[in-house]
Amino acid sequence: MPGTIETIRRVLLAILMVGLVGTATELLLLKHDEEAIQLIPLVLIAIAFVAIAWHTLDQGGASLRTFQTIMVLFVIAGPLGIYLHYRANVEFQREVDPSIAGRALILKALTAKTPPALAPGSMSQLGVIGLAYAYRYPLRRRSSGTTARAGVRPGATGEKL
């Protein structure tokens, strides 16, 4: 029977997977692939699925670090996407009304329906969920006699050869 922490990890991973599937589905339905920069979230999601599969099968340090790195990229992708959506909205609002400026422009850009300025924040949320899953993750020890720490040769940590 799994302990409380293991159950929490499983729930976090399930939430992450549902979020990844939902976000990818929404992006594809919205045709969020017309420009190369729009592929960033889709590529990150695809890589995340590969990393999750690898970590599920391996549960070693390399797969965990890879997963954590990808989740950090998700956290970074959120503000980047918010900036790009906001910038596109500002440009559109200035085309529609060249006299718009200041607070009115900011509010129009933030509340525009297409592209939704704050929607990319969900990428950061998914990244934080993934990082919470990986926090203090217990690494499986290798039975082949190698150490669990990457880059350490046998004998370097004091174990008998």
C-alpha atoms as a PDB file:
ATOM      1  CA  MET A   1       0.000   0.000   0.000  1.00  0.00           C
ATOM      2  CA  PRO A   2       1.523   3.336  -1.039  1.00  0.00           C
ATOM      3  CA  GLY A   3       2.214   5.962   1.594  1.00  0.00           C
ATOM      4  CA  THR A   4       0.708   9.419   1.727  1.00  0.00           C
ATOM      5  CA  ILE A   5       3.581  11.086  -0.117  1.00  0.00           C
ATOM      6  CA  GLU A   6       3.481   8.486  -2.894  1.00  0.00           C
ATOM      7  CA  THR A   7      -0.284   8.993  -3.232  1.00  0.00           C
ATOM      8  CA  ILE A   8       0.197  12.763  -3.455  1.00  0.00           C
ATOM      9  CA  ARG A   9       2.860  12.243  -6.141  1.00  0.00           C
ATOM     10  CA  ARG A  10       0.491  10.043  -8.149  1.00  0.00           C
ATOM     11  CA  VAL A  11      -2.297  12.610  -7.894  1.00  0.00           C
ATOM     12  CA  LEU A  12       0.062  15.420  -8.961  1.00  0.00           C
ATOM     13  CA  LEU A  13       1.228  13.359 -11.934  1.00  0.00           C
ATOM     14  CA  ALA A  14      -2.390  12.610 -12.908  1.00  0.00           C
ATOM     15  CA  ILE A  15      -3.284  16.308 -12.673  1.00  0.00           C
ATOM     16  CA  LEU A  16      -0.225  17.152 -14.774  1.00  0.00           C
ATOM     17  CA  MET A  17      -1.141  14.577 -17.424  1.00  0.00           C
ATOM     18  CA  VAL A  18      -4.744  15.820 -17.634  1.00  0.00           C
ATOM     19  CA  GLY A  19      -3.460  19.393 -17.904  1.00  0.00           C
ATOM     20  CA  LEU A  20      -0.984  18.473 -20.637  1.00  0.00           C
ATOM     21  CA  VAL A  21      -3.610  16.628 -22.676  1.00  0.00           C
ATOM     22  CA  GLY A  22      -6.147  19.424 -22.215  1.00  0.00           C
ATOM     23  CA  THR A  23      -3.703  22.184 -23.091  1.00  0.00           C
ATOM     24  CA  ALA A  24      -2.390  20.355 -26.155  1.00  0.00           C
ATOM     25  CA  THR A  25      -5.931  19.645 -27.345  1.00  0.00           C
ATOM     26  CA  GLU A  26      -6.976  23.265 -26.919  1.00  0.00           C
ATOM     27  CA  LEU A  27      -3.886  24.584 -28.696  1.00  0.00           C
ATOM     28  CA  LEU A  28      -4.408  22.233 -31.620  1.00  0.00           C
ATOM     29  CA  LEU A  29      -8.114  23.096 -31.888  1.00  0.00           C
ATOM     30  CA  LEU A  30      -7.215  26.796 -31.879  1.00  0.00           C
ATOM     31  CA  LYS A  31      -4.626  26.159 -34.622  1.00  0.00           C
ATOM     32  CA  HIS A  32      -1.837  27.441 -32.386  1.00  0.00           C
ATOM     33  CA  ASP A  33       0.719  26.240 -34.918  1.00  0.00           C
ATOM     34  CA  GLU A  34       0.620  28.856 -37.662  1.00  0.00           C
ATOM     35  CA  GLU A  35       3.998  30.408 -36.780  1.00  0.00           C
ATOM     36  CA  ALA A  36       7.156  28.763 -35.468  1.00  0.00           C
ATOM     37  CA  ILE A  37       7.001  30.596 -32.131  1.00  0.00           C
ATOM     38  CA  GLN A  38       3.473  29.252 -31.587  1.00  0.00           C
ATOM     39  CA  LEU A  39       4.922  25.743 -31.557  1.00  0.00           C
ATOM     40  CA  ILE A  40       6.791  26.334 -28.291  1.00  0.00           C
ATOM     41  CA  PRO A  41       4.014  25.084 -25.977  1.00  0.00           C
ATOM     42  CA  LEU A  42       3.172  22.134 -28.235  1.00  0.00           C
ATOM     43  CA  VAL A  43       6.819  21.060 -28.453  1.00  0.00           C
ATOM     44  CA  LEU A  44       7.258  21.426 -24.684  1.00  0.00           C
ATOM     45  CA  ILE A  45       4.154  19.308 -24.100  1.00  0.00           C
ATOM     46  CA  ALA A  46       5.389  16.600 -26.469  1.00  0.00           C
ATOM     47  CA  ILE A  47       8.805  16.558 -24.780  1.00  0.00           C
ATOM     48  CA  ALA A  48       7.099  16.423 -21.371  1.00  0.00           C
ATOM     49  CA  PHE A  49       5.212  13.274 -22.382  1.00  0.00           C
ATOM     50  CA  VAL A  50       8.474  11.642 -23.460  1.00  0.00           C
ATOM     51  CA  ALA A  51      10.178  12.672 -20.207  1.00  0.00           C
ATOM     52  CA  ILE A  52       7.275  11.362 -18.112  1.00  0.00           C
ATOM     53  CA  ALA A  53       7.353   8.023 -19.940  1.00  0.00           C
ATOM     54  CA  TRP A  54      11.139   7.778 -19.496  1.00  0.00           C
ATOM     55  CA  HIS A  55      10.966   8.662 -15.818  1.00  0.00           C
ATOM     56  CA  THR A  56       8.094   6.232 -15.223  1.00  0.00           C
ATOM     57  CA  LEU A  57      10.164   3.408 -16.714  1.00  0.00           C
ATOM     58  CA  ASP A  58      13.580   4.389 -15.320  1.00  0.00           C
ATOM     59  CA  GLN A  59      13.024   6.385 -12.098  1.00  0.00           C
ATOM     60  CA  GLY A  60      16.709   7.311 -12.088  1.00  0.00           C
ATOM     61  CA  GLY A  61      18.531  10.569 -11.619  1.00  0.00           C
ATOM     62  CA  ALA A  62      18.962  11.400 -15.304  1.00  0.00           C
ATOM     63  CA  SER A  63      15.284  10.994 -16.113  1.00  0.00           C
ATOM     64  CA  LEU A  64      14.285  13.010 -13.037  1.00  0.00           C
ATOM     65  CA  ARG A  65      16.685  15.875 -13.874  1.00  0.00           C
ATOM     66  CA  THR A  66      15.438  15.908 -17.459  1.00  0.00           C
ATOM     67  CA  PHE A  67      11.835  16.058 -16.247  1.00  0.00           C
ATOM     68  CA  GLN A  68      12.668  18.873 -13.807  1.00  0.00           C
ATOM     69  CA  THR A  69      14.465  20.836 -16.532  1.00  0.00           C
ATOM     70  CA  ILE A  70      11.456  20.556 -18.822  1.00  0.00           C
ATOM     71  CA  MET A  71       9.156  21.710 -16.021  1.00  0.00           C
ATOM     72  CA  VAL A  72      11.382  24.758 -15.453  1.00  0.00           C
ATOM     73  CA  LEU A  73      11.027  25.492 -19.183  1.00  0.00           C
ATOM     74  CA  PHE A  74       7.242  25.321 -18.715  1.00  0.00           C
ATOM     75  CA  VAL A  75       7.479  27.880 -15.903  1.00  0.00           C
ATOM     76  CA  ILE A  76       9.528  30.165 -18.180  1.00  0.00           C
ATOM     77  CA  ALA A  77       7.204  29.618 -21.158  1.00  0.00           C
ATOM     78  CA  GLY A  78       4.248  31.057 -19.225  1.00  0.00           C
ATOM     79  CA  PRO A  79       5.499  34.645 -18.863  1.00  0.00           C
ATOM     80  CA  LEU A  80       7.017  34.503 -22.362  1.00  0.00           C
ATOM     81  CA  GLY A  81       3.647  33.516 -23.810  1.00  0.00           C
ATOM     82  CA  ILE A  82       1.838  36.172 -21.786  1.00  0.00           C
ATOM     83  CA  TYR A  83       4.223  38.780 -23.161  1.00  0.00           C
ATOM     84  CA  LEU A  84       3.773  37.573 -26.757  1.00  0.00           C
ATOM     85  CA  HIS A  85      -0.030  37.464 -26.466  1.00  0.00           C
ATOM     86  CA  TYR A  86      -0.118  40.884 -24.823  1.00  0.00           C
ATOM     87  CA  ARG A  87       2.153  42.362 -27.489  1.00  0.00           C
ATOM     88  CA  ALA A  88      -0.042  40.961 -30.289  1.00  0.00           C
ATOM     89  CA  ASN A  89      -3.131  42.413 -28.593  1.00  0.00           C
ATOM     90  CA  VAL A  90      -1.508  45.832 -28.214  1.00  0.00           C
ATOM     91  CA  GLU A  91      -0.577  45.869 -31.913  1.00  0.00           C
ATOM     92  CA  PHE A  92      -4.120  44.892 -32.903  1.00  0.00           C
ATOM     93  CA  GLN A  93      -5.728  47.491 -30.624  1.00  0.00           C
ATOM     94  CA  ARG A  94      -3.455  50.208 -32.057  1.00  0.00           C
ATOM     95  CA  GLU A  95      -4.481  49.215 -35.590  1.00  0.00           C
ATOM     96  CA  VAL A  96      -8.170  49.397 -34.655  1.00  0.00           C
ATOM     97  CA  ASP A  97      -7.821  52.646 -32.703  1.00  0.00           C
ATOM     98  CA  PRO A  98      -4.556  54.565 -33.289  1.00  0.00           C
ATOM     99  CA  SER A  99      -5.428  57.052 -30.559  1.00  0.00           C
ATOM    100  CA  ILE A 100      -5.679  54.429 -27.796  1.00  0.00           C
ATOM    101  CA  ALA A 101      -2.984  54.636 -25.121  1.00  0.00           C
ATOM    102  CA  GLY A 102      -2.264  54.217 -21.426  1.00  0.00           C
ATOM    103  CA  ARG A 103      -4.662  52.402 -19.147  1.00  0.00           C
ATOM    104  CA  ALA A 104      -7.302  51.978 -21.852  1.00  0.00           C
ATOM    105  CA  LEU A 105      -4.782  50.213 -24.096  1.00  0.00           C
ATOM    106  CA  ILE A 106      -3.564  47.982 -21.277  1.00  0.00           C
ATOM    107  CA  LEU A 107      -7.108  46.964 -20.315  1.00  0.00           C
ATOM    108  CA  LYS A 108      -8.123  46.302 -23.921  1.00  0.00           C
ATOM    109  CA  ALA A 109      -4.988  44.217 -24.496  1.00  0.00           C
ATOM    110  CA  LEU A 110      -5.469  42.191 -21.314  1.00  0.00           C
ATOM    111  CA  THR A 111      -9.174  41.525 -21.879  1.00  0.00           C
ATOM    112  CA  ALA A 112      -9.010  40.700 -25.594  1.00  0.00           C
ATOM    113  CA  LYS A 113     -10.498  37.341 -26.434  1.00  0.00           C
ATOM    114  CA  THR A 114      -7.985  36.490 -29.153  1.00  0.00           C
ATOM    115  CA  PRO A 115      -5.303  35.789 -28.234  1.00  0.00           C
ATOM    116  CA  PRO A 116      -6.156  35.518 -24.548  1.00  0.00           C
ATOM    117  CA  ALA A 117      -3.359  37.463 -22.899  1.00  0.00           C
ATOM    118  CA  LEU A 118      -3.136  35.488 -19.660  1.00  0.00           C
ATOM    119  CA  ALA A 119      -3.846  31.984 -21.017  1.00  0.00           C
ATOM    120  CA  PRO A 120      -0.156  31.074 -21.383  1.00  0.00           C
ATOM    121  CA  GLY A 121       0.103  31.317 -17.603  1.00  0.00           C
ATOM    122  CA  SER A 122      -1.316  27.793 -17.556  1.00  0.00           C
ATOM    123  CA  MET A 123       2.055  26.587 -18.857  1.00  0.00           C
ATOM    124  CA  SER A 124       3.686  27.942 -15.698  1.00  0.00           C
ATOM    125  CA  GLN A 125       1.013  26.290 -13.597  1.00  0.00           C
ATOM    126  CA  LEU A 126       1.695  22.929 -15.250  1.00  0.00           C
ATOM    127  CA  GLY A 127       5.422  23.435 -14.661  1.00  0.00           C
ATOM    128  CA  VAL A 128       4.892  24.112 -10.964  1.00  0.00           C
ATOM    129  CA  ILE A 129       2.708  20.993 -10.656  1.00  0.00           C
ATOM    130  CA  GLY A 130       5.473  18.965 -12.308  1.00  0.00           C
ATOM    131  CA  LEU A 131       8.116  20.436 -10.019  1.00  0.00           C
ATOM    132  CA  ALA A 132       5.941  19.668  -6.981  1.00  0.00           C
ATOM    133  CA  TYR A 133       5.692  16.057  -8.194  1.00  0.00           C
ATOM    134  CA  ALA A 134       9.477  15.849  -8.503  1.00  0.00           C
ATOM    135  CA  TYR A 135      10.282  17.596  -5.214  1.00  0.00           C
ATOM    136  CA  ARG A 136      12.486  15.323  -3.071  1.00  0.00           C
ATOM    137  CA  TYR A 137      11.656  12.414  -5.336  1.00  0.00           C
ATOM    138  CA  PRO A 138      13.255   9.229  -3.971  1.00  0.00           C
ATOM    139  CA  LEU A 139      15.616   7.863  -6.606  1.00  0.00           C
ATOM    140  CA  ARG A 140      15.697   4.130  -7.128  1.00  0.00           C
ATOM    141  CA  ARG A 141      19.069   2.617  -6.350  1.00  0.00           C
ATOM    142  CA  ARG A 142      20.715   0.712  -9.159  1.00  0.00           C
ATOM    143  CA  SER A 143      21.157  -2.981  -8.412  1.00  0.00           C
ATOM    144  CA  SER A 144      24.135  -3.277 -10.772  1.00  0.00           C
ATOM    145  CA  GLY A 145      26.489  -1.901  -8.124  1.00  0.00           C
ATOM    146  CA  THR A 146      26.757   1.598  -9.573  1.00  0.00           C
ATOM    147  CA  THR A 147      26.057   4.570  -7.406  1.00  0.00           C
ATOM    148  CA  ALA A 148      22.817   6.536  -7.710  1.00  0.00           C
ATOM    149  CA  ARG A 149      24.727   9.799  -8.106  1.00  0.00           C
ATOM    150  CA  ALA A 150      25.457  10.588 -11.721  1.00  0.00           C
ATOM    151  CA  GLY A 151      29.068  11.096 -12.646  1.00  0.00           C
ATOM    152  CA  VAL A 152      30.561   9.290  -9.618  1.00  0.00           C
ATOM    153  CA  ARG A 153      32.754   6.318 -10.415  1.00  0.00           C
ATOM    154  CA  PRO A 154      32.574   3.219  -8.211  1.00  0.00           C
ATOM    155  CA  GLY A 155      34.897   3.516  -5.246  1.00  0.00           C
ATOM    156  CA  ALA A 156      34.863   7.306  -5.229  1.00  0.00           C
ATOM    157  CA  THR A 157      32.291   7.473  -2.440  1.00  0.00           C
ATOM    158  CA  GLY A 158      33.938   4.900  -0.206  1.00  0.00           C
ATOM    159  CA  GLU A 159      32.057   1.751  -1.243  1.00  0.00           C
ATOM    160  CA  LYS A 160      34.062  -1.412  -1.787  1.00  0.00           C
ATOM    161  CA  LEU A 161      34.941  -2.334  -5.348  1.00  0.00           C
END
